[in-house]
Amino acid sequence: MNTRKSSLITACLLFVGGSRAFAQDLLHGANIEAVGGASIAHVADNATIATNPAMLAMAPRYDFAGSLFGQPSGDLGWNLNAMDSSKGILGFGAGWTRTITDPPLSDADLPGWVTPGVDPTNKRRASLFSVAMAIAPGDRKFSVGIGGTMGTVSHDRLGSKLMGEMSFGLGYRATDEATFGLVAQGLLPVDNVEAQPVQVLLGTRYALEDGPSIAFETGWQFEDANGLGFISRVGVEAVAGIIRPRLGYSYEGAERKSTVTAGIGGENPSGGLDAAVLVPLGKGFSGRDIRGVITLRLRT
């Protein structure tokens, strides 16, 4: 009995870790993925609906974006999102993320019994909805925002679970080129193993108008049991006409995972088309874990 209970707990932890490892970026597009995921201080990207809602009101704009991402392992996902800060001092955003993963069966995933001749399936499916709003009074130098994500994660072995997350963020534009962001994530008290861990991130981004940019963010996941919750992300973007080559790196301490990223995009005042690739580092590296992302962005 104790062995079965231990296996179930382990399976739950693998379920959470597996689904979060692929779905954690939520509304990130290829342009953000290619710079290591550094988006906390970005004033003009819809990823902040889920990462730092305060940035939604920092610049007047209306944007729509959609992304498709996948891995050779068969994992697949997509997201759609839109935001509006074109009028007044308020910004609003909403998005939907869907992921389907099929990791290899581990001993913990196996059920207590199987039907002879039938291979047990192990698919995990997540459907998550994100909403956010922000206010930036006056000349939009300072902003405050709040956002939340809610949805379900279903698993062939463990059934469906509710996932909820709420974030509170601040934004500050020091100059036309330099912005700063501070956000606390995982604030929604959903009492089950799918609850997003509490973490705090501080980020900065320096971007010349129609020129190169560099972004950096760091933070800590407080609920990491091993005390290794350090988070660090950095990325650079160059400009050559309408072409945007990008490079980045991220380290997620709670997952013991380092990733190098690269991508390229084409951008003009009407939007952009971007592609990115993410390569995890470490001795457990497998080509099946490489992730690709394609994004279409439209703006008015």
C-alpha atoms as a PDB file:
ATOM      1  CA  MET A   1       0.000   0.000   0.000  1.00  0.00           C
ATOM      2  CA  ASN A   2       2.820   2.390   0.917  1.00  0.00           C
ATOM      3  CA  THR A   3       4.596   1.545  -2.350  1.00  0.00           C
ATOM      4  CA  ARG A   4       1.468   2.352  -4.398  1.00  0.00           C
ATOM      5  CA  LYS A   5       0.972   5.626  -2.491  1.00  0.00           C
ATOM      6  CA  SER A   6       4.622   6.604  -3.065  1.00  0.00           C
ATOM      7  CA  SER A   7       4.315   5.840  -6.773  1.00  0.00           C
ATOM      8  CA  LEU A   8       1.200   8.002  -7.066  1.00  0.00           C
ATOM      9  CA  ILE A   9       2.886  10.957  -5.349  1.00  0.00           C
ATOM     10  CA  THR A  10       5.915  10.596  -7.635  1.00  0.00           C
ATOM     11  CA  ALA A  11       3.642  10.447 -10.669  1.00  0.00           C
ATOM     12  CA  CYS A  12       1.900  13.656  -9.581  1.00  0.00           C
ATOM     13  CA  LEU A  13       5.243  15.409  -9.293  1.00  0.00           C
ATOM     14  CA  LEU A  14       6.312  14.195 -12.715  1.00  0.00           C
ATOM     15  CA  PHE A  15       2.950  15.306 -14.079  1.00  0.00           C
ATOM     16  CA  VAL A  16       3.420  18.814 -12.752  1.00  0.00           C
ATOM     17  CA  GLY A  17       7.046  19.047 -13.804  1.00  0.00           C
ATOM     18  CA  GLY A  18       6.398  17.648 -17.262  1.00  0.00           C
ATOM     19  CA  SER A  19       3.461  19.920 -18.035  1.00  0.00           C
ATOM     20  CA  ARG A  20       5.137  23.040 -16.643  1.00  0.00           C
ATOM     21  CA  ALA A  21       8.419  22.364 -18.469  1.00  0.00           C
ATOM     22  CA  PHE A  22       6.620  22.691 -21.805  1.00  0.00           C
ATOM     23  CA  ALA A  23       3.806  25.127 -20.923  1.00  0.00           C
ATOM     24  CA  GLN A  24       5.596  27.486 -18.537  1.00  0.00           C
ATOM     25  CA  ASP A  25       6.289  30.094 -21.221  1.00  0.00           C
ATOM     26  CA  LEU A  26       2.557  30.511 -21.869  1.00  0.00           C
ATOM     27  CA  LEU A  27       2.220  33.415 -24.321  1.00  0.00           C
ATOM     28  CA  HIS A  28       5.873  33.710 -25.355  1.00  0.00           C
ATOM     29  CA  GLY A  29       6.420  34.112 -29.098  1.00  0.00           C
ATOM     30  CA  ALA A  30       9.506  33.154 -31.091  1.00  0.00           C
ATOM     31  CA  ASN A  31      10.926  36.677 -30.698  1.00  0.00           C
ATOM     32  CA  ILE A  32      10.896  36.315 -26.883  1.00  0.00           C
ATOM     33  CA  GLU A  33      11.949  32.655 -26.839  1.00  0.00           C
ATOM     34  CA  ALA A  34      14.984  33.529 -28.995  1.00  0.00           C
ATOM     35  CA  VAL A  35      16.296  35.993 -26.367  1.00  0.00           C
ATOM     36  CA  GLY A  36      16.190  33.450 -23.552  1.00  0.00           C
ATOM     37  CA  GLY A  37      12.617  34.272 -22.527  1.00  0.00           C
ATOM     38  CA  ALA A  38      13.588  37.686 -21.091  1.00  0.00           C
ATOM     39  CA  SER A  39      10.310  39.637 -21.261  1.00  0.00           C
ATOM     40  CA  ILE A  40       9.716  41.124 -17.782  1.00  0.00           C
ATOM     41  CA  ALA A  41      10.717  44.650 -18.909  1.00  0.00           C
ATOM     42  CA  HIS A  42       9.472  44.536 -22.530  1.00  0.00           C
ATOM     43  CA  VAL A  43       7.058  47.396 -23.287  1.00  0.00           C
ATOM     44  CA  ALA A  44       5.884  46.187 -26.700  1.00  0.00           C
ATOM     45  CA  ASP A  45       5.239  42.445 -26.574  1.00  0.00           C
ATOM     46  CA  ASN A  46       2.113  40.468 -25.703  1.00  0.00           C
ATOM     47  CA  ALA A  47       4.086  37.907 -23.674  1.00  0.00           C
ATOM     48  CA  THR A  48       3.775  40.328 -20.761  1.00  0.00           C
ATOM     49  CA  ILE A  49       0.079  39.408 -20.447  1.00  0.00           C
ATOM     50  CA  ALA A  50       1.389  36.323 -18.619  1.00  0.00           C
ATOM     51  CA  THR A  51       4.865  37.433 -17.468  1.00  0.00           C
ATOM     52  CA  ASN A  52       4.508  41.046 -16.227  1.00  0.00           C
ATOM     53  CA  PRO A  53       1.063  42.600 -16.789  1.00  0.00           C
ATOM     54  CA  ALA A  54       2.276  46.090 -15.775  1.00  0.00           C
ATOM     55  CA  MET A  55       4.088  46.477 -19.106  1.00  0.00           C
ATOM     56  CA  LEU A  56       0.795  46.367 -21.051  1.00  0.00           C
ATOM     57  CA  ALA A  57       0.102  50.064 -20.425  1.00  0.00           C
ATOM     58  CA  MET A  58       3.606  51.452 -20.954  1.00  0.00           C
ATOM     59  CA  ALA A  59       3.122  52.257 -24.671  1.00  0.00           C
ATOM     60  CA  PRO A  60       0.005  53.000 -26.765  1.00  0.00           C
ATOM     61  CA  ARG A  61      -0.538  50.067 -29.149  1.00  0.00           C
ATOM     62  CA  TYR A  62      -2.888  47.334 -30.325  1.00  0.00           C
ATOM     63  CA  ASP A  63      -1.323  43.938 -31.053  1.00  0.00           C
ATOM     64  CA  PHE A  64      -2.366  40.423 -32.023  1.00  0.00           C
ATOM     65  CA  ALA A  65      -0.031  37.413 -32.063  1.00  0.00           C
ATOM     66  CA  GLY A  66      -0.158  33.665 -32.616  1.00  0.00           C
ATOM     67  CA  SER A  67       2.538  31.017 -32.151  1.00  0.00           C
ATOM     68  CA  LEU A  68       3.082  27.358 -32.957  1.00  0.00           C
ATOM     69  CA  PHE A  69       5.743  25.398 -31.081  1.00  0.00           C
ATOM     70  CA  GLY A  70       6.873  21.782 -31.093  1.00  0.00           C
ATOM     71  CA  GLN A  71       9.640  19.255 -30.431  1.00  0.00           C
ATOM     72  CA  PRO A  72      10.904  16.149 -32.282  1.00  0.00           C
ATOM     73  CA  SER A  73       9.630  14.158 -29.271  1.00  0.00           C
ATOM     74  CA  GLY A  74       6.106  14.853 -30.526  1.00  0.00           C
ATOM     75  CA  ASP A  75       5.217  17.596 -28.031  1.00  0.00           C
ATOM     76  CA  LEU A  76       3.105  20.298 -29.649  1.00  0.00           C
ATOM     77  CA  GLY A  77       1.499  23.573 -28.607  1.00  0.00           C
ATOM     78  CA  TRP A  78       0.118  26.877 -29.776  1.00  0.00           C
ATOM     79  CA  ASN A  79      -1.058  30.180 -28.362  1.00  0.00           C
ATOM     80  CA  LEU A  80      -3.197  33.143 -29.429  1.00  0.00           C
ATOM     81  CA  ASN A  81      -3.235  36.524 -27.710  1.00  0.00           C
ATOM     82  CA  ALA A  82      -4.292  40.146 -28.146  1.00  0.00           C
ATOM     83  CA  MET A  83      -3.880  43.396 -26.229  1.00  0.00           C
ATOM     84  CA  ASP A  84      -5.055  47.015 -26.412  1.00  0.00           C
ATOM     85  CA  SER A  85      -3.533  50.100 -24.802  1.00  0.00           C
ATOM     86  CA  SER A  86      -4.313  52.446 -27.672  1.00  0.00           C
ATOM     87  CA  LYS A  87      -6.600  54.772 -25.733  1.00  0.00           C
ATOM     88  CA  GLY A  88      -6.260  56.423 -22.338  1.00  0.00           C
ATOM     89  CA  ILE A  89      -4.011  55.190 -19.562  1.00  0.00           C
ATOM     90  CA  LEU A  90      -5.251  51.571 -19.397  1.00  0.00           C
ATOM     91  CA  GLY A  91      -3.964  48.414 -21.037  1.00  0.00           C
ATOM     92  CA  PHE A  92      -5.817  45.107 -21.408  1.00  0.00           C
ATOM     93  CA  GLY A  93      -4.716  41.723 -22.700  1.00  0.00           C
ATOM     94  CA  ALA A  94      -5.954  38.152 -23.047  1.00  0.00           C
ATOM     95  CA  GLY A  95      -4.537  34.914 -24.418  1.00  0.00           C
ATOM     96  CA  TRP A  96      -5.012  31.160 -24.735  1.00  0.00           C
ATOM     97  CA  THR A  97      -2.330  28.471 -24.643  1.00  0.00           C
ATOM     98  CA  ARG A  98      -2.816  24.807 -25.584  1.00  0.00           C
ATOM     99  CA  THR A  99      -0.132  22.124 -25.179  1.00  0.00           C
ATOM    100  CA  ILE A 100      -0.108  18.394 -25.902  1.00  0.00           C
ATOM    101  CA  THR A 101       2.845  16.346 -24.651  1.00  0.00           C
ATOM    102  CA  ASP A 102       3.620  12.632 -24.803  1.00  0.00           C
ATOM    103  CA  PRO A 103       6.676  11.891 -22.621  1.00  0.00           C
ATOM    104  CA  PRO A 104       8.067   8.358 -22.228  1.00  0.00           C
ATOM    105  CA  LEU A 105       6.403   6.221 -19.561  1.00  0.00           C
ATOM    106  CA  SER A 106       8.326   5.974 -16.310  1.00  0.00           C
ATOM    107  CA  ASP A 107       7.739   3.399 -13.567  1.00  0.00           C
ATOM    108  CA  ALA A 108       5.841   6.053 -11.593  1.00  0.00           C
ATOM    109  CA  ASP A 109       3.489   6.684 -14.525  1.00  0.00           C
ATOM    110  CA  LEU A 110       2.460   3.056 -14.891  1.00  0.00           C
ATOM    111  CA  PRO A 111      -0.997   2.174 -13.547  1.00  0.00           C
ATOM    112  CA  GLY A 112      -1.507  -0.551 -10.963  1.00  0.00           C
ATOM    113  CA  TRP A 113      -2.732  -2.893 -13.696  1.00  0.00           C
ATOM    114  CA  VAL A 114      -2.732  -2.982 -17.491  1.00  0.00           C
ATOM    115  CA  THR A 115      -4.839  -4.792 -20.084  1.00  0.00           C
ATOM    116  CA  PRO A 116      -2.801  -7.593 -21.680  1.00  0.00           C
ATOM    117  CA  GLY A 117      -1.676  -6.657 -25.170  1.00  0.00           C
ATOM    118  CA  VAL A 118      -2.570  -2.945 -24.769  1.00  0.00           C
ATOM    119  CA  ASP A 119       0.145  -0.341 -24.315  1.00  0.00           C
ATOM    120  CA  PRO A 120      -0.859   2.320 -21.747  1.00  0.00           C
ATOM    121  CA  THR A 121      -0.884   5.889 -23.091  1.00  0.00           C
ATOM    122  CA  ASN A 122       0.756   8.821 -21.342  1.00  0.00           C
ATOM    123  CA  LYS A 123      -0.500  12.025 -23.006  1.00  0.00           C
ATOM    124  CA  ARG A 124      -0.729  15.273 -21.074  1.00  0.00           C
ATOM    125  CA  ARG A 125      -2.937  18.098 -22.329  1.00  0.00           C
ATOM    126  CA  ALA A 126      -3.089  21.655 -20.958  1.00  0.00           C
ATOM    127  CA  SER A 127      -5.551  24.392 -21.897  1.00  0.00           C
ATOM    128  CA  LEU A 128      -4.809  27.690 -20.142  1.00  0.00           C
ATOM    129  CA  PHE A 129      -6.477  31.124 -20.396  1.00  0.00           C
ATOM    130  CA  SER A 130      -4.673  34.322 -19.356  1.00  0.00           C
ATOM    131  CA  VAL A 131      -6.074  37.817 -18.773  1.00  0.00           C
ATOM    132  CA  ALA A 132      -4.377  41.002 -17.555  1.00  0.00           C
ATOM    133  CA  MET A 133      -4.874  44.721 -17.101  1.00  0.00           C
ATOM    134  CA  ALA A 134      -2.576  47.633 -16.271  1.00  0.00           C
ATOM    135  CA  ILE A 135      -2.701  51.346 -15.611  1.00  0.00           C
ATOM    136  CA  ALA A 136       0.025  53.886 -16.450  1.00  0.00           C
ATOM    137  CA  PRO A 137      -1.071  57.399 -15.468  1.00  0.00           C
ATOM    138  CA  GLY A 138       0.360  60.614 -16.818  1.00  0.00           C
ATOM    139  CA  ASP A 139       3.189  60.207 -19.308  1.00  0.00           C
ATOM    140  CA  ARG A 140       3.336  56.393 -18.930  1.00  0.00           C
ATOM    141  CA  LYS A 141       6.623  56.456 -17.024  1.00  0.00           C
ATOM    142  CA  PHE A 142       5.278  54.195 -14.267  1.00  0.00           C
ATOM    143  CA  SER A 143       2.704  51.402 -14.453  1.00  0.00           C
ATOM    144  CA  VAL A 144       0.971  48.855 -12.241  1.00  0.00           C
ATOM    145  CA  GLY A 145      -0.676  45.666 -13.485  1.00  0.00           C
ATOM    146  CA  ILE A 146      -2.399  42.477 -12.402  1.00  0.00           C
ATOM    147  CA  GLY A 147      -2.989  39.275 -14.346  1.00  0.00           C
ATOM    148  CA  GLY A 148      -4.153  35.724 -13.925  1.00  0.00           C
ATOM    149  CA  THR A 149      -4.095  32.343 -15.664  1.00  0.00           C
ATOM    150  CA  MET A 150      -6.626  29.576 -15.166  1.00  0.00           C
ATOM    151  CA  GLY A 151      -7.194  26.281 -16.910  1.00  0.00           C
ATOM    152  CA  THR A 152      -7.041  22.512 -16.762  1.00  0.00           C
ATOM    153  CA  VAL A 153      -4.271  19.990 -17.208  1.00  0.00           C
ATOM    154  CA  SER A 154      -5.422  16.458 -18.049  1.00  0.00           C
ATOM    155  CA  HIS A 155      -3.319  13.331 -17.933  1.00  0.00           C
ATOM    156  CA  ASP A 156      -4.033   9.807 -19.164  1.00  0.00           C
ATOM    157  CA  ARG A 157      -2.703   8.352 -15.909  1.00  0.00           C
ATOM    158  CA  LEU A 158      -3.885  10.909 -13.332  1.00  0.00           C
ATOM    159  CA  GLY A 159      -7.027  12.543 -14.718  1.00  0.00           C
ATOM    160  CA  SER A 160      -7.768  16.298 -14.854  1.00  0.00           C
ATOM    161  CA  LYS A 161      -6.414  18.927 -12.471  1.00  0.00           C
ATOM    162  CA  LEU A 162      -7.154  22.638 -12.104  1.00  0.00           C
ATOM    163  CA  MET A 163      -4.257  25.060 -12.541  1.00  0.00           C
ATOM    164  CA  GLY A 164      -4.394  28.689 -11.396  1.00  0.00           C
ATOM    165  CA  GLU A 165      -1.853  31.503 -11.240  1.00  0.00           C
ATOM    166  CA  MET A 166      -2.026  35.227 -10.465  1.00  0.00           C
ATOM    167  CA  SER A 167       0.681  37.850 -10.890  1.00  0.00           C
ATOM    168  CA  PHE A 168       1.234  41.439  -9.798  1.00  0.00           C
ATOM    169  CA  GLY A 169       3.750  43.644 -11.575  1.00  0.00           C
ATOM    170  CA  LEU A 170       5.364  47.071 -11.734  1.00  0.00           C
ATOM    171  CA  GLY A 171       6.938  48.831 -14.677  1.00  0.00           C
ATOM    172  CA  TYR A 172       9.185  51.875 -14.932  1.00  0.00           C
ATOM    173  CA  ARG A 173      10.552  53.693 -17.992  1.00  0.00           C
ATOM    174  CA  ALA A 174      13.731  55.472 -16.884  1.00  0.00           C
ATOM    175  CA  THR A 175      14.463  56.843 -20.375  1.00  0.00           C
ATOM    176  CA  ASP A 176      13.108  56.262 -23.861  1.00  0.00           C
ATOM    177  CA  GLU A 177      15.619  53.418 -24.181  1.00  0.00           C
ATOM    178  CA  ALA A 178      15.753  51.871 -20.672  1.00  0.00           C
ATOM    179  CA  THR A 179      12.853  50.115 -18.948  1.00  0.00           C
ATOM    180  CA  PHE A 180      12.593  48.088 -15.753  1.00  0.00           C
ATOM    181  CA  GLY A 181      10.066  45.519 -14.576  1.00  0.00           C
ATOM    182  CA  LEU A 182       9.341  43.790 -11.269  1.00  0.00           C
ATOM    183  CA  VAL A 183       6.784  40.997 -10.929  1.00  0.00           C
ATOM    184  CA  ALA A 184       5.582  38.481  -8.348  1.00  0.00           C
ATOM    185  CA  GLN A 185       4.046  35.328  -9.842  1.00  0.00           C
ATOM    186  CA  GLY A 186       2.189  32.371  -8.376  1.00  0.00           C
ATOM    187  CA  LEU A 187       0.035  34.442  -5.989  1.00  0.00           C
ATOM    188  CA  LEU A 188      -3.273  32.590  -6.524  1.00  0.00           C
ATOM    189  CA  PRO A 189      -3.930  30.159  -3.612  1.00  0.00           C
ATOM    190  CA  VAL A 190      -5.135  27.127  -5.592  1.00  0.00           C
ATOM    191  CA  ASP A 191      -4.791  24.265  -3.123  1.00  0.00           C
ATOM    192  CA  ASN A 192      -3.527  21.377  -5.242  1.00  0.00           C
ATOM    193  CA  VAL A 193      -0.286  20.118  -6.757  1.00  0.00           C
ATOM    194  CA  GLU A 194      -0.909  22.139  -9.938  1.00  0.00           C
ATOM    195  CA  ALA A 195      -0.464  25.476  -8.138  1.00  0.00           C
ATOM    196  CA  GLN A 196       2.181  27.718  -9.717  1.00  0.00           C
ATOM    197  CA  PRO A 197       5.160  28.186  -7.334  1.00  0.00           C
ATOM    198  CA  VAL A 198       5.647  31.691  -5.949  1.00  0.00           C
ATOM    199  CA  GLN A 199       8.519  33.511  -7.633  1.00  0.00           C
ATOM    200  CA  VAL A 200       9.760  37.091  -7.945  1.00  0.00           C
ATOM    201  CA  LEU A 201      11.570  38.421 -11.013  1.00  0.00           C
ATOM    202  CA  LEU A 202      13.366  41.697 -11.713  1.00  0.00           C
ATOM    203  CA  GLY A 203      14.186  42.611 -15.297  1.00  0.00           C
ATOM    204  CA  THR A 204      15.650  45.394 -17.399  1.00  0.00           C
ATOM    205  CA  ARG A 205      15.757  46.078 -21.118  1.00  0.00           C
ATOM    206  CA  TYR A 206      17.758  48.638 -23.092  1.00  0.00           C
ATOM    207  CA  ALA A 207      16.551  49.160 -26.653  1.00  0.00           C
ATOM    208  CA  LEU A 208      17.441  51.846 -29.173  1.00  0.00           C
ATOM    209  CA  GLU A 209      14.637  53.085 -31.432  1.00  0.00           C
ATOM    210  CA  ASP A 210      14.764  50.896 -34.550  1.00  0.00           C
ATOM    211  CA  GLY A 211      18.062  49.556 -33.213  1.00  0.00           C
ATOM    212  CA  PRO A 212      19.612  46.718 -31.191  1.00  0.00           C
ATOM    213  CA  SER A 213      18.476  45.748 -27.699  1.00  0.00           C
ATOM    214  CA  ILE A 214      19.646  43.758 -24.690  1.00  0.00           C
ATOM    215  CA  ALA A 215      17.447  42.284 -21.951  1.00  0.00           C
ATOM    216  CA  PHE A 216      18.300  40.676 -18.624  1.00  0.00           C
ATOM    217  CA  GLU A 217      16.218  39.328 -15.778  1.00  0.00           C
ATOM    218  CA  THR A 218      16.861  37.416 -12.598  1.00  0.00           C
ATOM    219  CA  GLY A 219      14.753  36.072  -9.786  1.00  0.00           C
ATOM    220  CA  TRP A 220      14.001  33.340  -7.301  1.00  0.00           C
ATOM    221  CA  GLN A 221      11.419  30.574  -6.980  1.00  0.00           C
ATOM    222  CA  PHE A 222      10.693  30.480  -3.251  1.00  0.00           C
ATOM    223  CA  GLU A 223       9.016  27.078  -3.105  1.00  0.00           C
ATOM    224  CA  ASP A 224      11.941  25.086  -4.471  1.00  0.00           C
ATOM    225  CA  ALA A 225      12.497  22.384  -1.838  1.00  0.00           C
ATOM    226  CA  ASN A 226      16.237  22.051  -2.582  1.00  0.00           C
ATOM    227  CA  GLY A 227      17.010  25.750  -2.255  1.00  0.00           C
ATOM    228  CA  LEU A 228      18.088  26.023  -5.888  1.00  0.00           C
ATOM    229  CA  GLY A 229      15.326  28.270  -7.178  1.00  0.00           C
ATOM    230  CA  PHE A 230      17.619  30.818  -8.875  1.00  0.00           C
ATOM    231  CA  ILE A 231      16.395  32.071 -12.270  1.00  0.00           C
ATOM    232  CA  SER A 232      18.460  33.980 -14.839  1.00  0.00           C
ATOM    233  CA  ARG A 233      17.681  34.972 -18.451  1.00  0.00           C
ATOM    234  CA  VAL A 234      19.587  37.172 -20.883  1.00  0.00           C
ATOM    235  CA  GLY A 235      19.158  37.956 -24.556  1.00  0.00           C
ATOM    236  CA  VAL A 236      20.337  40.294 -27.327  1.00  0.00           C
ATOM    237  CA  GLU A 237      18.692  41.405 -30.551  1.00  0.00           C
ATOM    238  CA  ALA A 238      20.525  43.009 -33.491  1.00  0.00           C
ATOM    239  CA  VAL A 239      19.002  44.971 -36.350  1.00  0.00           C
ATOM    240  CA  ALA A 240      19.864  44.791 -40.054  1.00  0.00           C
ATOM    241  CA  GLY A 241      17.145  46.604 -41.972  1.00  0.00           C
ATOM    242  CA  ILE A 242      13.935  44.673 -41.286  1.00  0.00           C
ATOM    243  CA  ILE A 243      15.877  41.591 -40.125  1.00  0.00           C
ATOM    244  CA  ARG A 244      16.211  40.827 -36.409  1.00  0.00           C
ATOM    245  CA  PRO A 245      18.824  38.160 -35.465  1.00  0.00           C
ATOM    246  CA  ARG A 246      18.568  37.103 -31.803  1.00  0.00           C
ATOM    247  CA  LEU A 247      20.536  35.095 -29.214  1.00  0.00           C
ATOM    248  CA  GLY A 248      19.814  34.186 -25.597  1.00  0.00           C
ATOM    249  CA  TYR A 249      20.453  31.980 -22.579  1.00  0.00           C
ATOM    250  CA  SER A 250      18.321  30.937 -19.617  1.00  0.00           C
ATOM    251  CA  TYR A 251      18.869  29.023 -16.405  1.00  0.00           C
ATOM    252  CA  GLU A 252      15.915  27.652 -14.413  1.00  0.00           C
ATOM    253  CA  GLY A 253      17.350  26.521 -11.072  1.00  0.00           C
ATOM    254  CA  ALA A 254      14.284  24.654  -9.824  1.00  0.00           C
ATOM    255  CA  GLU A 255      14.376  22.465 -12.947  1.00  0.00           C
ATOM    256  CA  ARG A 256      18.212  22.316 -13.039  1.00  0.00           C
ATOM    257  CA  LYS A 257      17.950  23.323 -16.693  1.00  0.00           C
ATOM    258  CA  SER A 258      20.120  25.569 -18.879  1.00  0.00           C
ATOM    259  CA  THR A 259      19.032  26.473 -22.398  1.00  0.00           C
ATOM    260  CA  VAL A 260      20.686  28.341 -25.259  1.00  0.00           C
ATOM    261  CA  THR A 261      18.383  30.055 -27.725  1.00  0.00           C
ATOM    262  CA  ALA A 262      18.641  31.624 -31.173  1.00  0.00           C
ATOM    263  CA  GLY A 263      16.278  32.996 -33.750  1.00  0.00           C
ATOM    264  CA  ILE A 264      15.601  35.400 -36.554  1.00  0.00           C
ATOM    265  CA  GLY A 265      12.670  37.555 -37.531  1.00  0.00           C
ATOM    266  CA  GLY A 266      11.476  40.107 -40.004  1.00  0.00           C
ATOM    267  CA  GLU A 267       9.724  43.194 -38.624  1.00  0.00           C
ATOM    268  CA  ASN A 268       8.061  46.378 -39.866  1.00  0.00           C
ATOM    269  CA  PRO A 269       5.470  48.799 -38.412  1.00  0.00           C
ATOM    270  CA  SER A 270       2.647  46.362 -39.282  1.00  0.00           C
ATOM    271  CA  GLY A 271       4.072  43.407 -37.354  1.00  0.00           C
ATOM    272  CA  GLY A 272       6.585  40.614 -37.678  1.00  0.00           C
ATOM    273  CA  LEU A 273       7.263  36.985 -38.541  1.00  0.00           C
ATOM    274  CA  ASP A 274       9.687  35.198 -36.222  1.00  0.00           C
ATOM    275  CA  ALA A 275      11.341  31.800 -35.774  1.00  0.00           C
ATOM    276  CA  ALA A 276      13.355  30.469 -32.847  1.00  0.00           C
ATOM    277  CA  VAL A 277      15.080  27.321 -31.668  1.00  0.00           C
ATOM    278  CA  LEU A 278      15.763  26.338 -28.032  1.00  0.00           C
ATOM    279  CA  VAL A 279      18.514  23.816 -27.222  1.00  0.00           C
ATOM    280  CA  PRO A 280      18.708  22.426 -23.643  1.00  0.00           C
ATOM    281  CA  LEU A 281      22.178  21.836 -22.220  1.00  0.00           C
ATOM    282  CA  GLY A 282      23.429  19.077 -19.946  1.00  0.00           C
ATOM    283  CA  LYS A 283      24.524  15.463 -19.926  1.00  0.00           C
ATOM    284  CA  GLY A 284      20.958  14.273 -20.479  1.00  0.00           C
ATOM    285  CA  PHE A 285      20.750  16.163 -23.786  1.00  0.00           C
ATOM    286  CA  SER A 286      18.719  14.591 -26.550  1.00  0.00           C
ATOM    287  CA  GLY A 287      17.921  15.975 -29.983  1.00  0.00           C
ATOM    288  CA  ARG A 288      14.294  15.108 -29.261  1.00  0.00           C
ATOM    289  CA  ASP A 289      14.269  17.882 -26.625  1.00  0.00           C
ATOM    290  CA  ILE A 290      15.134  20.690 -29.070  1.00  0.00           C
ATOM    291  CA  ARG A 291      12.189  23.059 -29.358  1.00  0.00           C
ATOM    292  CA  GLY A 292      11.143  25.170 -32.336  1.00  0.00           C
ATOM    293  CA  VAL A 293       8.766  28.150 -32.376  1.00  0.00           C
ATOM    294  CA  ILE A 294       7.144  30.164 -35.186  1.00  0.00           C
ATOM    295  CA  THR A 295       5.213  33.381 -34.470  1.00  0.00           C
ATOM    296  CA  LEU A 296       3.132  35.844 -36.475  1.00  0.00           C
ATOM    297  CA  ARG A 297       2.646  39.292 -34.904  1.00  0.00           C
ATOM    298  CA  LEU A 298       0.252  41.986 -36.166  1.00  0.00           C
ATOM    299  CA  ARG A 299      -0.062  45.541 -34.840  1.00  0.00           C
ATOM    300  CA  THR A 300      -1.882  48.777 -35.541  1.00  0.00           C
END
